[in-house]
Amino acid sequence: MRNFTYDELAVDPAKRKIFLDAYAELIKACKKYGFTEAAKAHARNRKRLADDLALIDEEF
């Protein structure tokens, strides 16, 4: 997974998409290998982050 700052994710939709897509792949891998609790925790964090970034993006 590439490294992005929160500020980069907030203002650059392309970087945000790359990051969130990679996060989704991480969640799929967790599920595939039986790490259900980790998958659930990552899914909650991804949703929270995506919601926060969407809110910030509306302000620009």
PDB file of N, CA and C in Angstrom:
ATOM      1  N   MET A   1       0.860  -1.170   0.000  1.00  0.00           N
ATOM      2  CA  MET A   1       0.000   0.000   0.000  1.00  0.00           C
ATOM      3  C   MET A   1       0.905   1.230   0.000  1.00  0.00           C
ATOM      4  N   ARG A   2       0.605   2.160  -0.882  1.00  0.00           N
ATOM      5  CA  ARG A   2       1.390   3.398  -0.955  1.00  0.00           C
ATOM      6  C   ARG A   2       1.101   4.279   0.245  1.00  0.00           C
ATOM      7  N   ASN A   3       2.041   5.144   0.542  1.00  0.00           N
ATOM      8  CA  ASN A   3       1.879   6.071   1.659  1.00  0.00           C
ATOM      9  C   ASN A   3       1.330   7.399   1.170  1.00  0.00           C
ATOM     10  N   PHE A   4       0.240   7.829   1.785  1.00  0.00           N
ATOM     11  CA  PHE A   4      -0.346   9.127   1.500  1.00  0.00           C
ATOM     12  C   PHE A   4      -0.607   9.821   2.826  1.00  0.00           C
ATOM     13  N   THR A   5      -0.506  11.130   2.826  1.00  0.00           N
ATOM     14  CA  THR A   5      -0.884  11.865   4.024  1.00  0.00           C
ATOM     15  C   THR A   5      -2.392  12.073   3.991  1.00  0.00           C
ATOM     16  N   TYR A   6      -2.941  12.363   5.143  1.00  0.00           N
ATOM     17  CA  TYR A   6      -4.376  12.634   5.235  1.00  0.00           C
ATOM     18  C   TYR A   6      -4.733  13.832   4.361  1.00  0.00           C
ATOM     19  N   ASP A   7      -3.874  14.858   4.377  1.00  0.00           N
ATOM     20  CA  ASP A   7      -4.128  16.055   3.562  1.00  0.00           C
ATOM     21  C   ASP A   7      -4.145  15.723   2.074  1.00  0.00           C
ATOM     22  N   GLU A   8      -3.244  14.854   1.630  1.00  0.00           N
ATOM     23  CA  GLU A   8      -3.237  14.454   0.222  1.00  0.00           C
ATOM     24  C   GLU A   8      -4.543  13.747  -0.138  1.00  0.00           C
ATOM     25  N   LEU A   9      -4.989  12.858   0.743  1.00  0.00           N
ATOM     26  CA  LEU A   9      -6.232  12.133   0.485  1.00  0.00           C
ATOM     27  C   LEU A   9      -7.435  13.068   0.470  1.00  0.00           C
ATOM     28  N   ALA A  10      -7.377  14.098   1.287  1.00  0.00           N
ATOM     29  CA  ALA A  10      -8.504  15.022   1.388  1.00  0.00           C
ATOM     30  C   ALA A  10      -8.672  15.864   0.129  1.00  0.00           C
ATOM     31  N   VAL A  11      -7.577  16.187  -0.544  1.00  0.00           N
ATOM     32  CA  VAL A  11      -7.674  17.130  -1.668  1.00  0.00           C
ATOM     33  C   VAL A  11      -7.462  16.490  -3.035  1.00  0.00           C
ATOM     34  N   ASP A  12      -7.042  15.238  -3.078  1.00  0.00           N
ATOM     35  CA  ASP A  12      -6.746  14.597  -4.364  1.00  0.00           C
ATOM     36  C   ASP A  12      -7.602  13.345  -4.547  1.00  0.00           C
ATOM     37  N   PRO A  13      -8.672  13.454  -5.342  1.00  0.00           N
ATOM     38  CA  PRO A  13      -9.566  12.307  -5.543  1.00  0.00           C
ATOM     39  C   PRO A  13      -8.864  11.079  -6.132  1.00  0.00           C
ATOM     40  N   ALA A  14      -7.872  11.266  -6.980  1.00  0.00           N
ATOM     41  CA  ALA A  14      -7.170  10.131  -7.586  1.00  0.00           C
ATOM     42  C   ALA A  14      -6.395   9.357  -6.516  1.00  0.00           C
ATOM     43  N   LYS A  15      -5.695  10.068  -5.646  1.00  0.00           N
ATOM     44  CA  LYS A  15      -4.952   9.410  -4.567  1.00  0.00           C
ATOM     45  C   LYS A  15      -5.914   8.738  -3.595  1.00  0.00           C
ATOM     46  N   ARG A  16      -7.043   9.403  -3.332  1.00  0.00           N
ATOM     47  CA  ARG A  16      -8.048   8.834  -2.438  1.00  0.00           C
ATOM     48  C   ARG A  16      -8.568   7.515  -2.985  1.00  0.00           C
ATOM     49  N   LYS A  17      -8.831   7.457  -4.294  1.00  0.00           N
ATOM     50  CA  LYS A  17      -9.330   6.234  -4.919  1.00  0.00           C
ATOM     51  C   LYS A  17      -8.290   5.118  -4.820  1.00  0.00           C
ATOM     52  N   ILE A  18      -7.035   5.435  -5.103  1.00  0.00           N
ATOM     53  CA  ILE A  18      -5.962   4.436  -4.997  1.00  0.00           C
ATOM     54  C   ILE A  18      -5.900   3.881  -3.578  1.00  0.00           C
ATOM     55  N   PHE A  19      -5.930   4.771  -2.597  1.00  0.00           N
ATOM     56  CA  PHE A  19      -5.835   4.368  -1.200  1.00  0.00           C
ATOM     57  C   PHE A  19      -7.023   3.504  -0.779  1.00  0.00           C
ATOM     58  N   LEU A  20      -8.234   3.963  -1.084  1.00  0.00           N
ATOM     59  CA  LEU A  20      -9.423   3.216  -0.662  1.00  0.00           C
ATOM     60  C   LEU A  20      -9.552   1.886  -1.397  1.00  0.00           C
ATOM     61  N   ASP A  21      -9.122   1.832  -2.661  1.00  0.00           N
ATOM     62  CA  ASP A  21      -9.132   0.559  -3.392  1.00  0.00           C
ATOM     63  C   ASP A  21      -8.140  -0.428  -2.765  1.00  0.00           C
ATOM     64  N   ALA A  22      -6.962   0.061  -2.399  1.00  0.00           N
ATOM     65  CA  ALA A  22      -5.973  -0.799  -1.748  1.00  0.00           C
ATOM     66  C   ALA A  22      -6.495  -1.276  -0.394  1.00  0.00           C
ATOM     67  N   TYR A  23      -7.176  -0.403   0.317  1.00  0.00           N
ATOM     68  CA  TYR A  23      -7.750  -0.764   1.617  1.00  0.00           C
ATOM     69  C   TYR A  23      -8.796  -1.865   1.436  1.00  0.00           C
ATOM     70  N   ALA A  24      -9.595  -1.756   0.375  1.00  0.00           N
ATOM     71  CA  ALA A  24     -10.599  -2.785   0.081  1.00  0.00           C
ATOM     72  C   ALA A  24      -9.923  -4.125  -0.208  1.00  0.00           C
ATOM     73  N   GLU A  25      -8.800  -4.100  -0.909  1.00  0.00           N
ATOM     74  CA  GLU A  25      -8.060  -5.334  -1.188  1.00  0.00           C
ATOM     75  C   GLU A  25      -7.530  -5.957   0.104  1.00  0.00           C
ATOM     76  N   LEU A  26      -7.088  -5.118   1.031  1.00  0.00           N
ATOM     77  CA  LEU A  26      -6.626  -5.604   2.328  1.00  0.00           C
ATOM     78  C   LEU A  26      -7.761  -6.317   3.062  1.00  0.00           C
ATOM     79  N   ILE A  27      -8.946  -5.732   3.018  1.00  0.00           N
ATOM     80  CA  ILE A  27     -10.117  -6.330   3.668  1.00  0.00           C
ATOM     81  C   ILE A  27     -10.449  -7.679   3.027  1.00  0.00           C
ATOM     82  N   LYS A  28     -10.388  -7.741   1.696  1.00  0.00           N
ATOM     83  CA  LYS A  28     -10.647  -9.013   0.998  1.00  0.00           C
ATOM     84  C   LYS A  28      -9.641 -10.079   1.412  1.00  0.00           C
ATOM     85  N   ALA A  29      -8.377  -9.691   1.527  1.00  0.00           N
ATOM     86  CA  ALA A  29      -7.340 -10.651   1.921  1.00  0.00           C
ATOM     87  C   ALA A  29      -7.586 -11.150   3.345  1.00  0.00           C
ATOM     88  N   CYS A  30      -7.972 -10.254   4.228  1.00  0.00           N
ATOM     89  CA  CYS A  30      -8.278 -10.666   5.605  1.00  0.00           C
ATOM     90  C   CYS A  30      -9.396 -11.701   5.616  1.00  0.00           C
ATOM     91  N   LYS A  31     -10.443 -11.446   4.836  1.00  0.00           N
ATOM     92  CA  LYS A  31     -11.564 -12.391   4.784  1.00  0.00           C
ATOM     93  C   LYS A  31     -11.132 -13.720   4.175  1.00  0.00           C
ATOM     94  N   LYS A  32     -10.355 -13.649   3.102  1.00  0.00           N
ATOM     95  CA  LYS A  32      -9.911 -14.856   2.400  1.00  0.00           C
ATOM     96  C   LYS A  32      -9.128 -15.781   3.313  1.00  0.00           C
ATOM     97  N   TYR A  33      -8.298 -15.215   4.166  1.00  0.00           N
ATOM     98  CA  TYR A  33      -7.445 -16.023   5.018  1.00  0.00           C
ATOM     99  C   TYR A  33      -8.016 -16.235   6.424  1.00  0.00           C
ATOM    100  N   GLY A  34      -9.281 -15.903   6.599  1.00  0.00           N
ATOM    101  CA  GLY A  34      -9.968 -16.235   7.835  1.00  0.00           C
ATOM    102  C   GLY A  34      -9.806 -15.247   8.977  1.00  0.00           C
ATOM    103  N   PHE A  35      -9.285 -14.077   8.684  1.00  0.00           N
ATOM    104  CA  PHE A  35      -9.127 -13.060   9.721  1.00  0.00           C
ATOM    105  C   PHE A  35     -10.373 -12.171   9.755  1.00  0.00           C
ATOM    106  N   THR A  36     -11.475 -12.767  10.166  1.00  0.00           N
ATOM    107  CA  THR A  36     -12.769 -12.098  10.114  1.00  0.00           C
ATOM    108  C   THR A  36     -12.816 -10.853  10.985  1.00  0.00           C
ATOM    109  N   GLU A  37     -12.311 -10.947  12.188  1.00  0.00           N
ATOM    110  CA  GLU A  37     -12.343  -9.782  13.092  1.00  0.00           C
ATOM    111  C   GLU A  37     -11.493  -8.642  12.538  1.00  0.00           C
ATOM    112  N   ALA A  38     -10.339  -8.975  11.973  1.00  0.00           N
ATOM    113  CA  ALA A  38      -9.487  -7.949  11.369  1.00  0.00           C
ATOM    114  C   ALA A  38     -10.194  -7.319  10.166  1.00  0.00           C
ATOM    115  N   ALA A  39     -10.862  -8.139   9.376  1.00  0.00           N
ATOM    116  CA  ALA A  39     -11.592  -7.630   8.214  1.00  0.00           C
ATOM    117  C   ALA A  39     -12.688  -6.664   8.656  1.00  0.00           C
ATOM    118  N   LYS A  40     -13.400  -7.018   9.718  1.00  0.00           N
ATOM    119  CA  LYS A  40     -14.469  -6.145  10.218  1.00  0.00           C
ATOM    120  C   LYS A  40     -13.898  -4.827  10.740  1.00  0.00           C
ATOM    121  N   ALA A  41     -12.791  -4.903  11.463  1.00  0.00           N
ATOM    122  CA  ALA A  41     -12.171  -3.686  12.000  1.00  0.00           C
ATOM    123  C   ALA A  41     -11.684  -2.791  10.859  1.00  0.00           C
ATOM    124  N   HIS A  42     -11.040  -3.384   9.862  1.00  0.00           N
ATOM    125  CA  HIS A  42     -10.564  -2.606   8.724  1.00  0.00           C
ATOM    126  C   HIS A  42     -11.731  -2.009   7.931  1.00  0.00           C
ATOM    127  N   ALA A  43     -12.805  -2.765   7.791  1.00  0.00           N
ATOM    128  CA  ALA A  43     -13.971  -2.263   7.058  1.00  0.00           C
ATOM    129  C   ALA A  43     -14.584  -1.059   7.773  1.00  0.00           C
ATOM    130  N   ARG A  44     -14.669  -1.135   9.101  1.00  0.00           N
ATOM    131  CA  ARG A  44     -15.188   0.012   9.855  1.00  0.00           C
ATOM    132  C   ARG A  44     -14.281   1.229   9.694  1.00  0.00           C
ATOM    133  N   ASN A  45     -12.973   0.999   9.775  1.00  0.00           N
ATOM    134  CA  ASN A  45     -12.031   2.112   9.634  1.00  0.00           C
ATOM    135  C   ASN A  45     -12.062   2.702   8.236  1.00  0.00           C
ATOM    136  N   ARG A  46     -12.176   1.837   7.213  1.00  0.00           N
ATOM    137  CA  ARG A  46     -12.238   2.335   5.832  1.00  0.00           C
ATOM    138  C   ARG A  46     -13.482   3.194   5.643  1.00  0.00           C
ATOM    139  N   LYS A  47     -14.616   2.728   6.167  1.00  0.00           N
ATOM    140  CA  LYS A  47     -15.859   3.487   6.036  1.00  0.00           C
ATOM    141  C   LYS A  47     -15.750   4.832   6.755  1.00  0.00           C
ATOM    142  N   ARG A  48     -15.207   4.823   7.970  1.00  0.00           N
ATOM    143  CA  ARG A  48     -15.052   6.066   8.728  1.00  0.00           C
ATOM    144  C   ARG A  48     -14.158   7.048   7.981  1.00  0.00           C
ATOM    145  N   LEU A  49     -13.044   6.553   7.474  1.00  0.00           N
ATOM    146  CA  LEU A  49     -12.118   7.413   6.750  1.00  0.00           C
ATOM    147  C   LEU A  49     -12.746   7.942   5.463  1.00  0.00           C
ATOM    148  N   ALA A  50     -13.416   7.077   4.715  1.00  0.00           N
ATOM    149  CA  ALA A  50     -14.068   7.503   3.472  1.00  0.00           C
ATOM    150  C   ALA A  50     -15.138   8.552   3.759  1.00  0.00           C
ATOM    151  N   ASP A  51     -15.908   8.358   4.818  1.00  0.00           N
ATOM    152  CA  ASP A  51     -16.939   9.340   5.186  1.00  0.00           C
ATOM    153  C   ASP A  51     -16.316  10.677   5.583  1.00  0.00           C
ATOM    154  N   ASP A  52     -15.247  10.626   6.371  1.00  0.00           N
ATOM    155  CA  ASP A  52     -14.560  11.854   6.779  1.00  0.00           C
ATOM    156  C   ASP A  52     -14.000  12.593   5.567  1.00  0.00           C
ATOM    157  N   LEU A  53     -13.370  11.859   4.667  1.00  0.00           N
ATOM    158  CA  LEU A  53     -12.783  12.491   3.480  1.00  0.00           C
ATOM    159  C   LEU A  53     -13.853  13.065   2.572  1.00  0.00           C
ATOM    160  N   ALA A  54     -14.976  12.380   2.463  1.00  0.00           N
ATOM    161  CA  ALA A  54     -16.075  12.900   1.642  1.00  0.00           C
ATOM    162  C   ALA A  54     -16.613  14.199   2.216  1.00  0.00           C
ATOM    163  N   LEU A  55     -16.691  14.273   3.525  1.00  0.00           N
ATOM    164  CA  LEU A  55     -17.162  15.488   4.167  1.00  0.00           C
ATOM    165  C   LEU A  55     -16.188  16.643   3.910  1.00  0.00           C
ATOM    166  N   ILE A  56     -14.899  16.364   4.068  1.00  0.00           N
ATOM    167  CA  ILE A  56     -13.882  17.396   3.827  1.00  0.00           C
ATOM    168  C   ILE A  56     -13.887  17.812   2.364  1.00  0.00           C
ATOM    169  N   ASP A  57     -14.028  16.837   1.453  1.00  0.00           N
ATOM    170  CA  ASP A  57     -14.008  17.126   0.029  1.00  0.00           C
ATOM    171  C   ASP A  57     -15.138  18.062  -0.358  1.00  0.00           C
ATOM    172  N   GLU A  58     -16.282  17.956   0.295  1.00  0.00           N
ATOM    173  CA  GLU A  58     -17.414  18.837   0.004  1.00  0.00           C
ATOM    174  C   GLU A  58     -17.095  20.288   0.325  1.00  0.00           C
ATOM    175  N   GLU A  59     -16.146  20.498   1.242  1.00  0.00           N
ATOM    176  CA  GLU A  59     -15.803  21.847   1.645  1.00  0.00           C
ATOM    177  C   GLU A  59     -14.926  22.558   0.628  1.00  0.00           C
ATOM    178  N   PHE A  60     -14.272  21.802  -0.254  1.00  0.00           N
ATOM    179  CA  PHE A  60     -13.385  22.421  -1.248  1.00  0.00           C
ATOM    180  C   PHE A  60     -14.122  22.827  -2.486  1.00  0.00           C
TER     181      PHE A  60
END
